[in-house]
Amino acid sequence: MYSYEVADGHGLKHNPFKAIVSPRPIGWISTRGADGSVNLAPYSFFNAVSDTPPIVIFSSSGYKDTVSNAEATGAFVFNLATEDLKDQMNLSSAPYPHGVSEFEKAGLTPAASRLVDVPYVAEAKAVMECRYLQTVRPTGLNGQPADNWVVFGEVVAVHLAQDALVDGRFDVTVARPLSRLGYKDYAVVDRVFELDRPRG
């Protein structure tokens, strides 16, 4: 077993942290700024943290437009990044200047949401409209705040592609969502299996 203490460094060619904590859902987040500009960016730290009410989070390394937009306007939208949209998702990650539309740069179609004033990716297989709840900036053991902002949002509306609904279930093997691994690696969810929870 290869072991190391974080304070001493990992001693490897690349930091394994993100490779260990994987696969991770990709939070492909669209927002609208107070000035009306639209932003679309993928976040590799994203997940659901509650189902009643449905709450999702994404964490931004650095205080970026997505965070400031969500705070300013009180809303954001999660768009499911799937294998067929991998190139568009990657294009939207470029550091474009404020006000430049990633929708346009990636050749994506903005669609009007039902309950929030933020467009979603029309090509996405699943979409969740979210109302902003709060932002948390974590503090490390050394007492210093991390350069990360964790944004919480409650899901208020959901859109699902008709072809991804099979027998009343959202079928991920049809949607083929992308997941983020470590380094430059990604994976596609294309196979699932079931386990019954033990009764105890």
N, C-alpha and C. Protein backbone atom coordinates (compact mmCIF):
# COMPACT_ATOMS: atom_id res chain seq x y z
N MET A 1 0.84 -1.19 0.00
CA MET A 1 0.00 0.00 0.00
C MET A 1 0.88 1.25 0.00
N TYR A 2 0.72 2.08 -1.02
CA TYR A 2 1.46 3.35 -1.09
C TYR A 2 0.73 4.37 -0.23
N SER A 3 1.42 4.97 0.72
CA SER A 3 0.78 5.91 1.65
C SER A 3 1.56 7.22 1.69
N TYR A 4 0.85 8.30 1.94
CA TYR A 4 1.50 9.60 2.14
C TYR A 4 0.60 10.50 2.98
N GLU A 5 1.24 11.45 3.63
CA GLU A 5 0.50 12.47 4.36
C GLU A 5 0.43 13.70 3.49
N VAL A 6 -0.76 14.27 3.38
CA VAL A 6 -0.99 15.37 2.43
C VAL A 6 -0.03 16.52 2.67
N ALA A 7 0.25 16.82 3.92
CA ALA A 7 1.13 17.95 4.24
C ALA A 7 2.55 17.73 3.70
N ASP A 8 2.94 16.47 3.50
CA ASP A 8 4.29 16.16 3.01
C ASP A 8 4.35 16.02 1.50
N GLY A 9 3.19 16.03 0.83
CA GLY A 9 3.15 15.86 -0.62
C GLY A 9 2.97 14.40 -1.00
N HIS A 10 2.44 14.17 -2.19
CA HIS A 10 2.12 12.81 -2.61
C HIS A 10 3.30 12.07 -3.23
N GLY A 11 4.31 12.80 -3.71
CA GLY A 11 5.50 12.15 -4.25
C GLY A 11 5.29 11.43 -5.57
N LEU A 12 4.15 11.64 -6.19
CA LEU A 12 3.85 10.99 -7.47
C LEU A 12 3.97 12.00 -8.61
N LYS A 13 3.94 11.52 -9.81
CA LYS A 13 4.04 12.41 -10.97
C LYS A 13 2.84 13.35 -11.04
N HIS A 14 1.66 12.84 -10.64
CA HIS A 14 0.44 13.65 -10.64
C HIS A 14 -0.34 13.39 -9.36
N ASN A 15 -1.04 14.39 -8.87
CA ASN A 15 -1.84 14.28 -7.66
C ASN A 15 -3.00 13.30 -7.89
N PRO A 16 -3.13 12.25 -7.06
CA PRO A 16 -4.17 11.25 -7.30
C PRO A 16 -5.54 11.62 -6.73
N PHE A 17 -5.65 12.74 -6.03
CA PHE A 17 -6.90 13.06 -5.31
C PHE A 17 -8.14 12.97 -6.18
N LYS A 18 -8.14 13.66 -7.32
CA LYS A 18 -9.33 13.66 -8.18
C LYS A 18 -9.56 12.31 -8.84
N ALA A 19 -8.49 11.54 -9.04
CA ALA A 19 -8.66 10.21 -9.63
C ALA A 19 -9.29 9.25 -8.63
N ILE A 20 -9.00 9.45 -7.35
CA ILE A 20 -9.58 8.59 -6.31
C ILE A 20 -11.05 8.92 -6.11
N VAL A 21 -11.36 10.22 -6.04
CA VAL A 21 -12.74 10.64 -5.86
C VAL A 21 -13.39 10.73 -7.24
N SER A 22 -13.72 9.56 -7.77
CA SER A 22 -14.28 9.50 -9.12
C SER A 22 -15.05 8.18 -9.26
N PRO A 23 -15.96 8.09 -10.22
CA PRO A 23 -16.34 9.16 -11.16
C PRO A 23 -17.21 10.20 -10.49
N ARG A 24 -17.16 11.42 -11.02
CA ARG A 24 -17.95 12.52 -10.48
C ARG A 24 -18.89 13.04 -11.57
N PRO A 25 -20.15 13.33 -11.21
CA PRO A 25 -21.04 13.97 -12.19
C PRO A 25 -20.48 15.33 -12.59
N ILE A 26 -20.76 15.74 -13.79
CA ILE A 26 -20.32 17.05 -14.27
C ILE A 26 -21.48 18.03 -14.14
N GLY A 27 -21.26 19.09 -13.40
CA GLY A 27 -22.28 20.13 -13.27
C GLY A 27 -22.12 21.14 -14.41
N TRP A 28 -22.89 20.94 -15.47
CA TRP A 28 -22.83 21.86 -16.61
C TRP A 28 -23.86 22.93 -16.33
N ILE A 29 -23.39 24.06 -15.82
CA ILE A 29 -24.26 25.05 -15.21
C ILE A 29 -24.44 26.28 -16.11
N SER A 30 -25.70 26.61 -16.37
CA SER A 30 -25.99 27.85 -17.09
C SER A 30 -26.56 28.87 -16.11
N THR A 31 -26.17 30.14 -16.31
CA THR A 31 -26.63 31.23 -15.46
C THR A 31 -26.85 32.47 -16.31
N ARG A 32 -27.54 33.42 -15.71
CA ARG A 32 -27.70 34.74 -16.34
C ARG A 32 -27.22 35.78 -15.34
N GLY A 33 -26.41 36.73 -15.83
CA GLY A 33 -25.90 37.78 -14.97
C GLY A 33 -26.92 38.89 -14.79
N ALA A 34 -26.65 39.75 -13.81
CA ALA A 34 -27.53 40.89 -13.56
C ALA A 34 -27.60 41.81 -14.78
N ASP A 35 -26.55 41.77 -15.63
CA ASP A 35 -26.53 42.60 -16.84
C ASP A 35 -27.21 41.91 -18.02
N GLY A 36 -27.77 40.73 -17.79
CA GLY A 36 -28.47 40.00 -18.85
C GLY A 36 -27.61 39.02 -19.61
N SER A 37 -26.30 39.05 -19.42
CA SER A 37 -25.41 38.14 -20.14
C SER A 37 -25.63 36.70 -19.67
N VAL A 38 -25.40 35.75 -20.57
CA VAL A 38 -25.62 34.34 -20.27
C VAL A 38 -24.28 33.62 -20.21
N ASN A 39 -24.15 32.71 -19.25
CA ASN A 39 -22.91 31.96 -19.06
C ASN A 39 -23.22 30.47 -18.99
N LEU A 40 -22.31 29.65 -19.52
CA LEU A 40 -22.45 28.20 -19.46
C LEU A 40 -21.07 27.61 -19.19
N ALA A 41 -20.94 26.85 -18.11
CA ALA A 41 -19.62 26.31 -17.75
C ALA A 41 -19.77 24.97 -17.03
N PRO A 42 -18.83 24.03 -17.29
CA PRO A 42 -18.85 22.74 -16.59
C PRO A 42 -18.04 22.79 -15.30
N TYR A 43 -18.57 22.10 -14.29
CA TYR A 43 -17.90 22.01 -12.99
C TYR A 43 -17.76 20.55 -12.60
N SER A 44 -16.52 20.13 -12.31
CA SER A 44 -16.29 18.72 -12.02
C SER A 44 -16.57 18.37 -10.56
N PHE A 45 -16.84 19.38 -9.74
CA PHE A 45 -17.30 19.12 -8.38
C PHE A 45 -18.78 19.48 -8.33
N PHE A 46 -19.63 18.47 -8.50
CA PHE A 46 -21.07 18.66 -8.56
C PHE A 46 -21.74 17.41 -8.01
N ASN A 47 -22.87 17.59 -7.32
CA ASN A 47 -23.62 16.43 -6.88
C ASN A 47 -24.96 16.83 -6.29
N ALA A 48 -25.79 15.83 -6.02
CA ALA A 48 -27.03 16.02 -5.30
C ALA A 48 -26.76 15.76 -3.82
N VAL A 49 -27.35 16.56 -2.94
CA VAL A 49 -27.12 16.38 -1.51
C VAL A 49 -28.40 16.15 -0.73
N SER A 50 -29.55 16.25 -1.39
CA SER A 50 -30.83 16.04 -0.73
C SER A 50 -31.87 15.71 -1.78
N ASP A 51 -32.82 14.82 -1.42
CA ASP A 51 -33.89 14.54 -2.37
C ASP A 51 -35.23 15.13 -1.93
N THR A 52 -35.36 15.47 -0.65
CA THR A 52 -36.60 16.09 -0.17
C THR A 52 -36.26 17.23 0.79
N PRO A 53 -36.17 18.46 0.31
CA PRO A 53 -36.37 18.88 -1.08
C PRO A 53 -35.15 18.52 -1.94
N PRO A 54 -35.33 18.48 -3.25
CA PRO A 54 -34.19 18.15 -4.12
C PRO A 54 -33.19 19.31 -4.17
N ILE A 55 -31.98 19.07 -3.68
CA ILE A 55 -30.95 20.11 -3.61
C ILE A 55 -29.68 19.59 -4.27
N VAL A 56 -29.07 20.42 -5.11
CA VAL A 56 -27.80 20.09 -5.75
C VAL A 56 -26.77 21.14 -5.37
N ILE A 57 -25.50 20.78 -5.54
CA ILE A 57 -24.41 21.71 -5.28
C ILE A 57 -23.40 21.64 -6.42
N PHE A 58 -22.70 22.76 -6.62
CA PHE A 58 -21.50 22.74 -7.45
C PHE A 58 -20.47 23.60 -6.75
N SER A 59 -19.21 23.26 -6.94
CA SER A 59 -18.13 24.00 -6.29
C SER A 59 -17.24 24.61 -7.36
N SER A 60 -17.02 25.91 -7.24
CA SER A 60 -16.19 26.64 -8.20
C SER A 60 -14.82 26.94 -7.60
N SER A 61 -13.77 26.55 -8.31
CA SER A 61 -12.41 26.92 -7.91
C SER A 61 -12.17 28.35 -8.39
N GLY A 62 -12.22 29.29 -7.46
CA GLY A 62 -12.17 30.70 -7.80
C GLY A 62 -13.58 31.26 -7.91
N TYR A 63 -13.71 32.53 -7.61
CA TYR A 63 -15.03 33.17 -7.65
C TYR A 63 -15.31 33.60 -9.09
N LYS A 64 -16.05 32.76 -9.82
CA LYS A 64 -16.25 32.95 -11.25
C LYS A 64 -17.65 33.48 -11.55
N ASP A 65 -17.87 33.76 -12.85
CA ASP A 65 -19.16 34.32 -13.28
C ASP A 65 -20.34 33.46 -12.85
N THR A 66 -20.18 32.14 -12.89
CA THR A 66 -21.29 31.27 -12.54
C THR A 66 -21.76 31.52 -11.11
N VAL A 67 -20.82 31.68 -10.20
CA VAL A 67 -21.17 31.93 -8.80
C VAL A 67 -21.79 33.30 -8.64
N SER A 68 -21.14 34.32 -9.18
CA SER A 68 -21.67 35.68 -9.02
C SER A 68 -23.03 35.84 -9.69
N ASN A 69 -23.22 35.18 -10.83
CA ASN A 69 -24.52 35.25 -11.51
C ASN A 69 -25.62 34.60 -10.68
N ALA A 70 -25.34 33.41 -10.14
CA ALA A 70 -26.34 32.71 -9.33
C ALA A 70 -26.71 33.54 -8.10
N GLU A 71 -25.72 34.14 -7.49
CA GLU A 71 -25.98 34.96 -6.31
C GLU A 71 -26.77 36.21 -6.67
N ALA A 72 -26.43 36.81 -7.80
CA ALA A 72 -27.06 38.08 -8.19
C ALA A 72 -28.50 37.91 -8.64
N THR A 73 -28.79 36.81 -9.34
CA THR A 73 -30.12 36.64 -9.92
C THR A 73 -30.96 35.58 -9.23
N GLY A 74 -30.32 34.78 -8.34
CA GLY A 74 -31.08 33.81 -7.56
C GLY A 74 -31.45 32.54 -8.29
N ALA A 75 -30.72 32.20 -9.35
CA ALA A 75 -31.09 31.00 -10.11
C ALA A 75 -29.90 30.47 -10.90
N PHE A 76 -29.95 29.17 -11.20
CA PHE A 76 -29.03 28.54 -12.15
C PHE A 76 -29.71 27.29 -12.69
N VAL A 77 -29.15 26.74 -13.77
CA VAL A 77 -29.71 25.53 -14.37
C VAL A 77 -28.60 24.50 -14.55
N PHE A 78 -28.91 23.26 -14.16
CA PHE A 78 -28.00 22.14 -14.41
C PHE A 78 -28.42 21.46 -15.71
N ASN A 79 -27.44 21.28 -16.61
CA ASN A 79 -27.66 20.59 -17.88
C ASN A 79 -26.81 19.32 -17.87
N LEU A 80 -27.42 18.19 -18.18
CA LEU A 80 -26.68 16.93 -18.15
C LEU A 80 -25.71 16.85 -19.32
N ALA A 81 -24.43 16.69 -19.00
CA ALA A 81 -23.40 16.52 -20.04
C ALA A 81 -23.35 15.05 -20.43
N THR A 82 -23.56 14.77 -21.69
CA THR A 82 -23.60 13.39 -22.18
C THR A 82 -22.56 13.19 -23.27
N GLU A 83 -22.36 11.92 -23.63
CA GLU A 83 -21.30 11.59 -24.59
C GLU A 83 -21.44 12.35 -25.90
N ASP A 84 -22.67 12.51 -26.38
CA ASP A 84 -22.87 13.19 -27.66
C ASP A 84 -22.59 14.68 -27.59
N LEU A 85 -22.48 15.22 -26.37
CA LEU A 85 -22.22 16.65 -26.18
C LEU A 85 -20.84 16.91 -25.56
N LYS A 86 -19.97 15.90 -25.58
CA LYS A 86 -18.67 16.05 -24.91
C LYS A 86 -17.84 17.19 -25.50
N ASP A 87 -17.85 17.35 -26.81
CA ASP A 87 -17.05 18.41 -27.43
C ASP A 87 -17.61 19.79 -27.11
N GLN A 88 -18.93 19.91 -27.10
CA GLN A 88 -19.56 21.19 -26.76
C GLN A 88 -19.31 21.53 -25.29
N MET A 89 -19.40 20.52 -24.44
CA MET A 89 -19.11 20.75 -23.02
C MET A 89 -17.69 21.23 -22.83
N ASN A 90 -16.76 20.60 -23.54
CA ASN A 90 -15.36 20.98 -23.42
C ASN A 90 -15.12 22.40 -23.95
N LEU A 91 -15.76 22.75 -25.07
CA LEU A 91 -15.63 24.10 -25.60
C LEU A 91 -16.14 25.15 -24.62
N SER A 92 -17.18 24.81 -23.88
CA SER A 92 -17.75 25.78 -22.94
C SER A 92 -16.87 26.00 -21.71
N SER A 93 -15.82 25.18 -21.57
CA SER A 93 -14.93 25.34 -20.40
C SER A 93 -13.83 26.35 -20.63
N ALA A 94 -13.69 26.85 -21.85
CA ALA A 94 -12.63 27.83 -22.16
C ALA A 94 -12.86 29.13 -21.37
N PRO A 95 -11.78 29.81 -21.01
CA PRO A 95 -11.90 31.05 -20.21
C PRO A 95 -12.26 32.27 -21.07
N TYR A 96 -13.48 32.27 -21.58
CA TYR A 96 -13.93 33.40 -22.40
C TYR A 96 -14.13 34.64 -21.52
N PRO A 97 -13.99 35.84 -22.09
CA PRO A 97 -14.24 37.06 -21.33
C PRO A 97 -15.69 37.16 -20.89
N HIS A 98 -15.93 37.91 -19.85
CA HIS A 98 -17.30 38.12 -19.37
C HIS A 98 -18.16 38.69 -20.49
N GLY A 99 -19.37 38.14 -20.63
CA GLY A 99 -20.28 38.63 -21.64
C GLY A 99 -20.28 37.81 -22.91
N VAL A 100 -19.25 36.97 -23.10
CA VAL A 100 -19.20 36.10 -24.28
C VAL A 100 -20.09 34.88 -24.01
N SER A 101 -20.94 34.53 -24.94
CA SER A 101 -21.87 33.42 -24.77
C SER A 101 -21.22 32.09 -25.10
N GLU A 102 -21.09 31.23 -24.10
CA GLU A 102 -20.58 29.88 -24.35
C GLU A 102 -21.56 29.06 -25.18
N PHE A 103 -22.84 29.38 -25.09
CA PHE A 103 -23.82 28.71 -25.95
C PHE A 103 -23.43 28.90 -27.42
N GLU A 104 -23.13 30.14 -27.76
CA GLU A 104 -22.78 30.47 -29.15
C GLU A 104 -21.45 29.84 -29.54
N LYS A 105 -20.46 29.93 -28.67
CA LYS A 105 -19.14 29.39 -28.97
C LYS A 105 -19.18 27.87 -29.18
N ALA A 106 -20.06 27.19 -28.42
CA ALA A 106 -20.13 25.74 -28.51
C ALA A 106 -21.19 25.26 -29.49
N GLY A 107 -21.89 26.19 -30.13
CA GLY A 107 -22.92 25.82 -31.10
C GLY A 107 -24.13 25.16 -30.48
N LEU A 108 -24.50 25.61 -29.28
CA LEU A 108 -25.63 25.03 -28.56
C LEU A 108 -26.84 25.96 -28.63
N THR A 109 -28.02 25.38 -28.47
CA THR A 109 -29.26 26.14 -28.56
C THR A 109 -29.78 26.48 -27.18
N PRO A 110 -29.90 27.77 -26.84
CA PRO A 110 -30.49 28.14 -25.55
C PRO A 110 -32.02 28.01 -25.61
N ALA A 111 -32.60 27.37 -24.62
CA ALA A 111 -34.05 27.20 -24.55
C ALA A 111 -34.55 27.89 -23.27
N ALA A 112 -35.74 28.46 -23.34
CA ALA A 112 -36.31 29.18 -22.20
C ALA A 112 -36.77 28.20 -21.12
N SER A 113 -36.36 28.47 -19.89
CA SER A 113 -36.80 27.65 -18.76
C SER A 113 -38.24 27.99 -18.40
N ARG A 114 -38.87 27.15 -17.58
CA ARG A 114 -40.26 27.36 -17.17
C ARG A 114 -40.37 28.31 -15.99
N LEU A 115 -39.47 28.14 -14.98
CA LEU A 115 -39.63 28.86 -13.71
C LEU A 115 -38.51 29.82 -13.36
N VAL A 116 -37.38 29.73 -14.05
CA VAL A 116 -36.27 30.63 -13.77
C VAL A 116 -35.88 31.36 -15.05
N ASP A 117 -35.32 32.55 -14.89
CA ASP A 117 -34.94 33.36 -16.05
C ASP A 117 -33.51 33.04 -16.48
N VAL A 118 -33.27 31.76 -16.73
CA VAL A 118 -31.96 31.27 -17.17
C VAL A 118 -32.21 30.25 -18.29
N PRO A 119 -31.55 30.38 -19.43
CA PRO A 119 -31.76 29.39 -20.49
C PRO A 119 -31.07 28.06 -20.18
N TYR A 120 -31.61 26.99 -20.74
CA TYR A 120 -30.95 25.70 -20.61
C TYR A 120 -30.49 25.22 -21.99
N VAL A 121 -29.68 24.18 -21.99
CA VAL A 121 -29.17 23.61 -23.24
C VAL A 121 -30.27 22.74 -23.85
N ALA A 122 -30.81 23.17 -24.97
CA ALA A 122 -31.91 22.45 -25.60
C ALA A 122 -31.52 21.04 -26.00
N GLU A 123 -30.25 20.82 -26.30
CA GLU A 123 -29.78 19.50 -26.73
C GLU A 123 -29.57 18.53 -25.57
N ALA A 124 -29.64 19.00 -24.33
CA ALA A 124 -29.38 18.15 -23.17
C ALA A 124 -30.47 17.11 -22.98
N LYS A 125 -30.08 15.94 -22.50
CA LYS A 125 -31.02 14.85 -22.24
C LYS A 125 -31.78 15.05 -20.93
N ALA A 126 -31.22 15.85 -20.03
CA ALA A 126 -31.90 16.15 -18.76
C ALA A 126 -31.46 17.53 -18.28
N VAL A 127 -32.40 18.22 -17.68
CA VAL A 127 -32.17 19.60 -17.22
C VAL A 127 -32.87 19.78 -15.88
N MET A 128 -32.22 20.49 -14.98
CA MET A 128 -32.85 20.83 -13.69
C MET A 128 -32.75 22.33 -13.46
N GLU A 129 -33.88 22.99 -13.40
CA GLU A 129 -33.92 24.42 -13.07
C GLU A 129 -33.81 24.56 -11.55
N CYS A 130 -32.94 25.45 -11.10
CA CYS A 130 -32.67 25.58 -9.67
C CYS A 130 -32.81 27.01 -9.19
N ARG A 131 -33.37 27.16 -8.00
CA ARG A 131 -33.37 28.43 -7.28
C ARG A 131 -32.17 28.42 -6.34
N TYR A 132 -31.44 29.52 -6.36
CA TYR A 132 -30.25 29.64 -5.51
C TYR A 132 -30.64 29.65 -4.03
N LEU A 133 -29.88 28.90 -3.21
CA LEU A 133 -30.11 28.86 -1.77
C LEU A 133 -29.03 29.59 -0.99
N GLN A 134 -27.78 29.19 -1.19
CA GLN A 134 -26.69 29.80 -0.43
C GLN A 134 -25.35 29.43 -1.05
N THR A 135 -24.33 30.17 -0.64
CA THR A 135 -22.95 29.87 -1.03
C THR A 135 -22.14 29.66 0.24
N VAL A 136 -21.33 28.61 0.26
CA VAL A 136 -20.46 28.31 1.40
C VAL A 136 -19.03 28.29 0.91
N ARG A 137 -18.17 29.02 1.61
CA ARG A 137 -16.74 28.99 1.30
C ARG A 137 -16.05 28.18 2.39
N PRO A 138 -15.57 26.97 2.07
CA PRO A 138 -14.98 26.11 3.11
C PRO A 138 -13.71 26.70 3.71
N THR A 139 -13.49 26.37 4.97
CA THR A 139 -12.28 26.77 5.68
C THR A 139 -11.48 25.53 6.02
N GLY A 140 -10.19 25.54 5.73
CA GLY A 140 -9.33 24.39 5.99
C GLY A 140 -8.93 24.27 7.45
N LEU A 141 -8.19 23.21 7.77
CA LEU A 141 -7.72 22.99 9.14
C LEU A 141 -6.82 24.11 9.62
N ASN A 142 -6.17 24.80 8.68
CA ASN A 142 -5.28 25.91 9.05
C ASN A 142 -6.04 27.21 9.32
N GLY A 143 -7.35 27.15 9.21
CA GLY A 143 -8.15 28.34 9.47
C GLY A 143 -8.28 29.28 8.29
N GLN A 144 -7.65 28.93 7.16
CA GLN A 144 -7.69 29.78 5.99
C GLN A 144 -8.83 29.35 5.05
N PRO A 145 -9.57 30.30 4.50
CA PRO A 145 -10.63 29.94 3.54
C PRO A 145 -10.04 29.39 2.25
N ALA A 146 -10.66 28.35 1.73
CA ALA A 146 -10.23 27.78 0.45
C ALA A 146 -10.65 28.72 -0.68
N ASP A 147 -9.96 28.61 -1.80
CA ASP A 147 -10.34 29.41 -2.97
C ASP A 147 -11.43 28.68 -3.74
N ASN A 148 -12.44 28.25 -3.01
CA ASN A 148 -13.57 27.51 -3.58
C ASN A 148 -14.87 28.03 -3.00
N TRP A 149 -15.89 28.10 -3.84
CA TRP A 149 -17.22 28.54 -3.43
C TRP A 149 -18.21 27.44 -3.78
N VAL A 150 -18.90 26.90 -2.76
CA VAL A 150 -19.87 25.82 -2.96
C VAL A 150 -21.26 26.44 -3.01
N VAL A 151 -21.92 26.27 -4.13
CA VAL A 151 -23.23 26.88 -4.35
C VAL A 151 -24.32 25.82 -4.23
N PHE A 152 -25.33 26.12 -3.42
CA PHE A 152 -26.47 25.23 -3.22
C PHE A 152 -27.68 25.77 -3.97
N GLY A 153 -28.43 24.87 -4.60
CA GLY A 153 -29.65 25.28 -5.27
C GLY A 153 -30.73 24.23 -5.12
N GLU A 154 -31.98 24.67 -5.00
CA GLU A 154 -33.10 23.73 -4.93
C GLU A 154 -33.73 23.59 -6.30
N VAL A 155 -33.94 22.35 -6.71
CA VAL A 155 -34.52 22.05 -8.02
C VAL A 155 -36.01 22.37 -8.00
N VAL A 156 -36.45 23.19 -8.96
CA VAL A 156 -37.86 23.58 -9.01
C VAL A 156 -38.57 23.10 -10.27
N ALA A 157 -37.81 22.67 -11.28
CA ALA A 157 -38.41 22.13 -12.50
C ALA A 157 -37.39 21.22 -13.18
N VAL A 158 -37.89 20.18 -13.84
CA VAL A 158 -37.04 19.19 -14.50
C VAL A 158 -37.53 18.98 -15.93
N HIS A 159 -36.59 18.83 -16.86
CA HIS A 159 -36.90 18.52 -18.25
C HIS A 159 -36.14 17.25 -18.63
N LEU A 160 -36.82 16.29 -19.24
CA LEU A 160 -36.21 15.02 -19.64
C LEU A 160 -36.49 14.75 -21.11
N ALA A 161 -35.46 14.32 -21.83
CA ALA A 161 -35.65 13.94 -23.24
C ALA A 161 -36.54 12.72 -23.31
N GLN A 162 -37.50 12.77 -24.21
CA GLN A 162 -38.47 11.67 -24.32
C GLN A 162 -37.80 10.34 -24.62
N ASP A 163 -36.74 10.36 -25.45
CA ASP A 163 -36.10 9.09 -25.82
C ASP A 163 -35.30 8.46 -24.69
N ALA A 164 -35.03 9.23 -23.63
CA ALA A 164 -34.30 8.69 -22.48
C ALA A 164 -35.23 8.14 -21.41
N LEU A 165 -36.54 8.27 -21.62
CA LEU A 165 -37.52 7.71 -20.69
C LEU A 165 -37.93 6.33 -21.18
N VAL A 166 -37.62 5.31 -20.41
CA VAL A 166 -37.91 3.93 -20.76
C VAL A 166 -38.68 3.28 -19.62
N ASP A 167 -39.91 2.88 -19.87
CA ASP A 167 -40.75 2.26 -18.84
C ASP A 167 -40.87 3.13 -17.59
N GLY A 168 -40.99 4.44 -17.81
CA GLY A 168 -41.18 5.35 -16.70
C GLY A 168 -39.93 5.68 -15.91
N ARG A 169 -38.78 5.26 -16.40
CA ARG A 169 -37.51 5.54 -15.72
C ARG A 169 -36.59 6.31 -16.66
N PHE A 170 -35.78 7.21 -16.07
CA PHE A 170 -34.75 7.89 -16.85
C PHE A 170 -33.62 6.90 -17.04
N ASP A 171 -33.38 6.48 -18.26
CA ASP A 171 -32.42 5.43 -18.57
C ASP A 171 -31.06 6.03 -18.91
N VAL A 172 -30.12 5.90 -17.99
CA VAL A 172 -28.79 6.49 -18.21
C VAL A 172 -28.03 5.78 -19.31
N THR A 173 -28.39 4.52 -19.61
CA THR A 173 -27.69 3.83 -20.70
C THR A 173 -28.10 4.38 -22.05
N VAL A 174 -29.25 5.05 -22.11
CA VAL A 174 -29.67 5.75 -23.32
C VAL A 174 -29.05 7.14 -23.35
N ALA A 175 -29.10 7.83 -22.22
CA ALA A 175 -28.57 9.20 -22.15
C ALA A 175 -27.04 9.22 -22.24
N ARG A 176 -26.38 8.22 -21.65
CA ARG A 176 -24.92 8.10 -21.63
C ARG A 176 -24.24 9.34 -21.06
N PRO A 177 -24.52 9.65 -19.77
CA PRO A 177 -23.90 10.81 -19.15
C PRO A 177 -22.38 10.66 -19.02
N LEU A 178 -21.70 11.80 -19.11
CA LEU A 178 -20.26 11.84 -18.89
C LEU A 178 -19.99 11.94 -17.39
N SER A 179 -18.89 11.37 -16.98
CA SER A 179 -18.42 11.58 -15.61
C SER A 179 -16.96 12.01 -15.66
N ARG A 180 -16.58 12.79 -14.67
CA ARG A 180 -15.22 13.33 -14.61
C ARG A 180 -14.38 12.42 -13.74
N LEU A 181 -13.20 12.09 -14.21
CA LEU A 181 -12.25 11.28 -13.46
C LEU A 181 -11.07 12.18 -13.07
N GLY A 182 -9.91 11.61 -12.85
CA GLY A 182 -8.74 12.42 -12.56
C GLY A 182 -8.02 12.82 -13.83
N TYR A 183 -7.02 13.71 -13.64
CA TYR A 183 -6.16 14.09 -14.75
C TYR A 183 -7.00 14.68 -15.91
N LYS A 184 -6.84 14.18 -17.14
CA LYS A 184 -7.65 14.63 -18.27
C LYS A 184 -8.71 13.59 -18.65
N ASP A 185 -9.00 12.69 -17.74
CA ASP A 185 -9.82 11.53 -18.05
C ASP A 185 -11.31 11.75 -17.79
N TYR A 186 -12.11 11.14 -18.66
CA TYR A 186 -13.57 11.13 -18.53
C TYR A 186 -14.05 9.69 -18.73
N ALA A 187 -15.28 9.42 -18.33
CA ALA A 187 -15.89 8.12 -18.59
C ALA A 187 -17.34 8.34 -18.99
N VAL A 188 -17.91 7.32 -19.62
CA VAL A 188 -19.31 7.35 -20.03
C VAL A 188 -20.07 6.27 -19.27
N VAL A 189 -21.21 6.62 -18.73
CA VAL A 189 -22.06 5.62 -18.08
C VAL A 189 -22.89 4.94 -19.16
N ASP A 190 -22.59 3.66 -19.40
CA ASP A 190 -23.31 2.94 -20.45
C ASP A 190 -23.74 1.54 -20.00
N ARG A 191 -23.49 1.21 -18.73
CA ARG A 191 -23.88 -0.09 -18.20
C ARG A 191 -24.26 0.06 -16.75
N VAL A 192 -25.34 -0.56 -16.34
CA VAL A 192 -25.78 -0.49 -14.95
C VAL A 192 -26.13 -1.89 -14.45
N PHE A 193 -26.15 -2.06 -13.14
CA PHE A 193 -26.64 -3.30 -12.53
C PHE A 193 -27.39 -2.93 -11.26
N GLU A 194 -28.23 -3.83 -10.79
CA GLU A 194 -29.05 -3.57 -9.62
C GLU A 194 -28.58 -4.40 -8.44
N LEU A 195 -28.74 -3.84 -7.24
CA LEU A 195 -28.51 -4.57 -5.98
C LEU A 195 -29.69 -4.27 -5.06
N ASP A 196 -30.22 -5.30 -4.45
CA ASP A 196 -31.26 -5.09 -3.45
C ASP A 196 -30.61 -4.74 -2.13
N ARG A 197 -31.15 -3.73 -1.45
CA ARG A 197 -30.64 -3.36 -0.15
C ARG A 197 -30.99 -4.44 0.87
N PRO A 198 -30.02 -4.89 1.68
CA PRO A 198 -30.30 -5.94 2.68
C PRO A 198 -31.30 -5.43 3.73
N ARG A 199 -32.12 -6.33 4.21
CA ARG A 199 -33.14 -5.98 5.19
C ARG A 199 -32.59 -5.81 6.59
N GLY A 200 -31.41 -6.38 6.85
CA GLY A 200 -30.80 -6.25 8.17
C GLY A 200 -31.28 -7.32 9.13
